[in-house]
Amino acid sequence: MSKQSHQLRAKMVGAMLREARVAAGLSLKDAAAAIGVTSGALSSYEFGRKAVSLPELELLAYTYDLSLRNFTSPEKFAKRTKTKVNPSLLLALRHRQIAAALAKSREAAGLTQRELADNASITLPRLKAYEKGTKPVPLPELELVVSRLGLAVEAFIDQQPPIGDWDSAKRTFEYVSELPVDLQQFIATPANLPYLRLAMRLSKVPVDRLRTVGEGLIDITQ
């Protein structure tokens, strides 16, 4: 690698480090303290004036709660970057979606607005405003109302991108991180992808057919 290429790579990594730090909500001082360097040193890394070492990069990735491969494989970092959203439009859309879902769930439960309002100990005008989407539903009240419908508030969480995709990815990560280490390693090994795809296909096969296949395998091996 030429000196020029080396400098360019240092600037690329530095830019990713700065973006990751800002996304993590850490100040330059706090992030520098986490890896035992001065704020000036970390600033030099972020602006590419000096190249970060691998041990320092490892510790920074840990501090920012990111995979180290986000930095060693720039394309992964690009995919990781969150989609920018218009908060006003997104909130307005989500309030309308919650309103529609609430009204639909109430109707499915066979309750009138009056009955649900009484069951949830809120006023009828308030519930009507919630179902029309003219008034945002405070989380505690949403939890109370949906519980009276026999539902959990999780059923109303956004399923669409970008937040839905982000939430799904986070839940998947949390689930995998709780698996035994040997299973985590198996899942994280690219060569095992065909086995995982096979498991997905088998999960869709009716139990009686799986039993027949299993019995056939036993006959073959005997």
Protein backbone atom coordinates (compact mmCIF):
# COMPACT_ATOMS: atom_id res chain seq x y z
CA MET A 1 0.00 0.00 0.00
CA SER A 2 1.40 3.37 -1.00
CA LYS A 3 1.75 6.27 1.42
CA GLN A 4 -1.10 8.06 -0.32
CA SER A 5 -3.34 4.99 -0.05
CA HIS A 6 -2.37 4.65 3.60
CA GLN A 7 -3.42 8.23 4.30
CA LEU A 8 -6.68 7.81 2.42
CA ARG A 9 -7.51 4.66 4.40
CA ALA A 10 -6.74 6.48 7.67
CA LYS A 11 -9.14 9.26 6.68
CA MET A 12 -11.86 6.77 5.76
CA VAL A 13 -11.57 4.93 9.07
CA GLY A 14 -11.41 8.25 10.90
CA ALA A 15 -14.64 9.45 9.29
CA MET A 16 -16.36 6.20 10.27
CA LEU A 17 -15.06 6.53 13.82
CA ARG A 18 -16.44 10.04 14.14
CA GLU A 19 -19.83 9.04 12.74
CA ALA A 20 -19.98 6.07 15.10
CA ARG A 21 -19.06 8.22 18.11
CA VAL A 22 -21.69 10.83 17.29
CA ALA A 23 -24.31 8.09 16.75
CA ALA A 24 -23.37 6.63 20.14
CA GLY A 25 -23.93 10.03 21.75
CA LEU A 26 -20.43 10.25 23.20
CA SER A 27 -18.29 13.35 23.46
CA LEU A 28 -14.75 13.34 22.14
CA LYS A 29 -13.51 13.48 25.74
CA ASP A 30 -15.59 10.51 26.93
CA ALA A 31 -14.70 8.34 23.93
CA ALA A 32 -11.00 9.14 24.30
CA ALA A 33 -11.12 8.24 27.99
CA ALA A 34 -12.69 4.89 27.12
CA ILE A 35 -9.55 3.85 25.22
CA GLY A 36 -7.05 5.68 27.39
CA VAL A 37 -5.92 8.39 24.96
CA THR A 38 -6.23 12.16 24.93
CA SER A 39 -9.01 14.00 23.17
CA GLY A 40 -6.40 15.40 20.82
CA ALA A 41 -5.23 11.91 19.88
CA LEU A 42 -8.75 10.70 19.15
CA SER A 43 -9.42 13.85 17.14
CA SER A 44 -6.32 13.07 15.06
CA TYR A 45 -7.72 9.58 14.39
CA GLU A 46 -11.14 10.93 13.41
CA PHE A 47 -9.71 13.45 10.95
CA GLY A 48 -7.18 11.01 9.53
CA ARG A 49 -4.14 12.96 10.66
CA LYS A 50 -2.94 9.81 12.39
CA ALA A 51 -3.98 6.19 11.88
CA VAL A 52 -5.64 4.38 14.76
CA SER A 53 -4.09 1.08 15.89
CA LEU A 54 -6.03 -2.18 15.74
CA PRO A 55 -6.23 -2.57 19.57
CA GLU A 56 -7.54 0.99 19.84
CA LEU A 57 -10.01 0.33 17.04
CA GLU A 58 -11.19 -2.83 18.79
CA LEU A 59 -11.82 -0.92 22.01
CA LEU A 60 -13.61 1.88 20.19
CA ALA A 61 -15.86 -0.59 18.37
CA TYR A 62 -16.66 -2.17 21.73
CA THR A 63 -17.38 1.27 23.23
CA TYR A 64 -19.66 2.21 20.33
CA ASP A 65 -21.38 -1.19 20.46
CA LEU A 66 -20.48 -2.02 16.86
CA SER A 67 -18.95 -5.02 15.18
CA LEU A 68 -15.27 -4.50 14.43
CA ARG A 69 -16.04 -5.56 10.87
CA ASN A 70 -17.99 -2.35 10.41
CA PHE A 71 -14.59 -0.66 10.24
CA THR A 72 -12.50 -3.34 8.55
CA SER A 73 -15.16 -3.77 5.83
CA PRO A 74 -16.36 -0.25 4.86
CA GLU A 75 -19.31 -1.62 2.87
CA LYS A 76 -20.73 -3.07 6.09
CA PHE A 77 -20.51 0.34 7.74
CA ALA A 78 -22.36 1.91 4.82
CA LYS A 79 -25.17 -0.63 5.18
CA ARG A 80 -25.30 0.00 8.92
CA THR A 81 -25.96 3.72 8.54
CA LYS A 82 -29.56 4.52 9.46
CA THR A 83 -31.92 5.86 6.84
CA LYS A 84 -32.68 9.53 7.43
CA VAL A 85 -36.31 10.21 8.20
CA ASN A 86 -38.56 13.24 8.35
CA PRO A 87 -39.68 13.06 12.01
CA SER A 88 -42.79 15.23 11.52
CA LEU A 89 -44.09 13.12 8.65
CA LEU A 90 -43.18 9.85 10.34
CA LEU A 91 -44.89 10.80 13.60
CA ALA A 92 -48.03 11.98 11.80
CA LEU A 93 -48.19 8.72 9.86
CA ARG A 94 -47.62 6.58 12.94
CA HIS A 95 -50.29 8.41 14.95
CA ARG A 96 -52.80 7.71 12.16
CA GLN A 97 -51.73 4.07 12.00
CA ILE A 98 -52.14 3.67 15.77
CA ALA A 99 -55.57 5.28 15.57
CA ALA A 100 -56.72 2.95 12.79
CA ALA A 101 -55.28 -0.13 14.53
CA LEU A 102 -56.97 0.82 17.79
CA ALA A 103 -60.37 1.25 16.15
CA LYS A 104 -59.99 -2.00 14.20
CA SER A 105 -58.96 -3.93 17.33
CA ARG A 106 -61.93 -2.56 19.29
CA GLU A 107 -64.36 -3.56 16.54
CA ALA A 108 -62.78 -7.02 16.33
CA ALA A 109 -63.35 -7.39 20.08
CA GLY A 110 -67.03 -6.52 19.59
CA LEU A 111 -66.93 -3.45 21.82
CA THR A 112 -68.49 -0.07 21.30
CA GLN A 113 -66.46 3.06 21.94
CA ARG A 114 -68.51 3.67 25.10
CA GLU A 115 -67.82 0.17 26.42
CA LEU A 116 -64.09 0.40 25.81
CA ALA A 117 -63.88 3.87 27.30
CA ASP A 118 -65.67 2.68 30.43
CA ASN A 119 -63.49 -0.45 30.69
CA ALA A 120 -60.33 1.62 30.37
CA SER A 121 -61.59 4.39 32.70
CA ILE A 122 -61.13 7.16 30.13
CA THR A 123 -63.66 9.60 28.73
CA LEU A 124 -65.55 8.81 25.55
CA PRO A 125 -64.42 12.02 23.79
CA ARG A 126 -60.81 11.11 24.60
CA LEU A 127 -61.14 7.63 23.10
CA LYS A 128 -62.85 9.05 20.01
CA ALA A 129 -59.97 11.49 19.56
CA TYR A 130 -57.51 8.61 19.85
CA GLU A 131 -59.34 6.57 17.21
CA LYS A 132 -59.60 9.53 14.85
CA GLY A 133 -55.91 10.22 15.20
CA THR A 134 -56.49 13.82 16.25
CA LYS A 135 -54.80 13.23 19.60
CA PRO A 136 -51.63 11.15 20.20
CA VAL A 137 -52.20 8.27 22.62
CA PRO A 138 -49.88 8.46 25.66
CA LEU A 139 -48.08 5.14 26.11
CA PRO A 140 -49.57 4.35 29.56
CA GLU A 141 -53.09 4.87 28.22
CA LEU A 142 -52.36 2.86 25.07
CA GLU A 143 -51.09 -0.01 27.23
CA LEU A 144 -54.23 0.17 29.37
CA VAL A 145 -56.66 0.36 26.44
CA VAL A 146 -55.10 -2.49 24.45
CA SER A 147 -54.93 -4.65 27.58
CA ARG A 148 -58.73 -4.28 27.81
CA LEU A 149 -58.83 -5.67 24.27
CA GLY A 150 -56.74 -8.68 25.27
CA LEU A 151 -53.72 -7.40 23.38
CA ALA A 152 -50.17 -6.28 24.19
CA VAL A 153 -48.77 -2.95 23.12
CA GLU A 154 -46.11 -4.81 21.11
CA ALA A 155 -48.82 -5.55 18.55
CA PHE A 156 -48.90 -1.82 17.73
CA ILE A 157 -45.14 -1.33 17.28
CA ASP A 158 -44.09 -0.08 13.86
CA GLN A 159 -43.32 -2.94 11.45
CA GLN A 160 -42.38 -0.82 8.43
CA PRO A 161 -38.96 0.58 7.46
CA PRO A 162 -36.93 2.28 8.64
CA ILE A 163 -37.92 1.82 12.30
CA GLY A 164 -39.52 -1.58 11.81
CA ASP A 165 -36.42 -2.96 10.11
CA TRP A 166 -34.19 -1.45 12.80
CA ASP A 167 -36.31 -2.93 15.61
CA SER A 168 -36.37 -6.34 13.94
CA ALA A 169 -32.58 -6.32 13.55
CA LYS A 170 -32.10 -5.33 17.18
CA ARG A 171 -34.45 -8.05 18.41
CA THR A 172 -32.69 -10.63 16.25
CA PHE A 173 -29.31 -9.57 17.64
CA GLU A 174 -30.60 -9.74 21.21
CA TYR A 175 -32.01 -13.22 20.63
CA VAL A 176 -28.84 -14.55 19.02
CA SER A 177 -26.67 -13.01 21.75
CA GLU A 178 -28.57 -15.07 24.34
CA LEU A 179 -27.91 -18.37 22.55
CA PRO A 180 -25.13 -20.70 23.75
CA VAL A 181 -21.73 -19.65 22.40
CA ASP A 182 -21.39 -22.73 20.18
CA LEU A 183 -24.68 -21.92 18.43
CA GLN A 184 -23.66 -18.27 18.00
CA GLN A 185 -20.43 -19.38 16.37
CA PHE A 186 -22.30 -21.80 14.11
CA ILE A 187 -24.70 -19.07 12.96
CA ALA A 188 -21.86 -16.58 12.43
CA THR A 189 -19.85 -18.97 10.22
CA PRO A 190 -20.60 -18.22 6.53
CA ALA A 191 -19.90 -21.83 5.53
CA ASN A 192 -22.87 -22.95 7.64
CA LEU A 193 -25.38 -20.85 5.69
CA PRO A 194 -26.64 -23.85 3.63
CA TYR A 195 -27.44 -25.72 6.87
CA LEU A 196 -29.37 -22.73 8.19
CA ARG A 197 -31.34 -22.47 4.95
CA LEU A 198 -32.08 -26.20 5.17
CA ALA A 199 -33.33 -25.74 8.73
CA MET A 200 -35.63 -22.95 7.50
CA ARG A 201 -37.09 -25.22 4.83
CA LEU A 202 -37.55 -28.09 7.27
CA SER A 203 -39.35 -25.80 9.71
CA LYS A 204 -42.08 -25.33 7.08
CA VAL A 205 -42.57 -29.07 6.51
CA PRO A 206 -45.58 -30.60 8.34
CA VAL A 207 -44.63 -32.71 11.36
CA ASP A 208 -46.13 -35.92 9.94
CA ARG A 209 -44.01 -35.58 6.78
CA LEU A 210 -40.89 -34.97 8.86
CA ARG A 211 -41.68 -38.08 10.85
CA THR A 212 -42.00 -40.10 7.65
CA VAL A 213 -38.66 -38.76 6.38
CA GLY A 214 -37.03 -39.56 9.71
CA GLU A 215 -38.36 -43.08 9.68
CA GLY A 216 -37.11 -43.51 6.11
CA LEU A 217 -33.61 -42.40 7.13
CA ILE A 218 -33.62 -44.88 9.99
CA ASP A 219 -34.58 -47.69 7.62
CA ILE A 220 -31.75 -46.72 5.25
CA THR A 221 -29.12 -46.71 7.99
CA GLN A 222 -30.14 -50.03 9.49
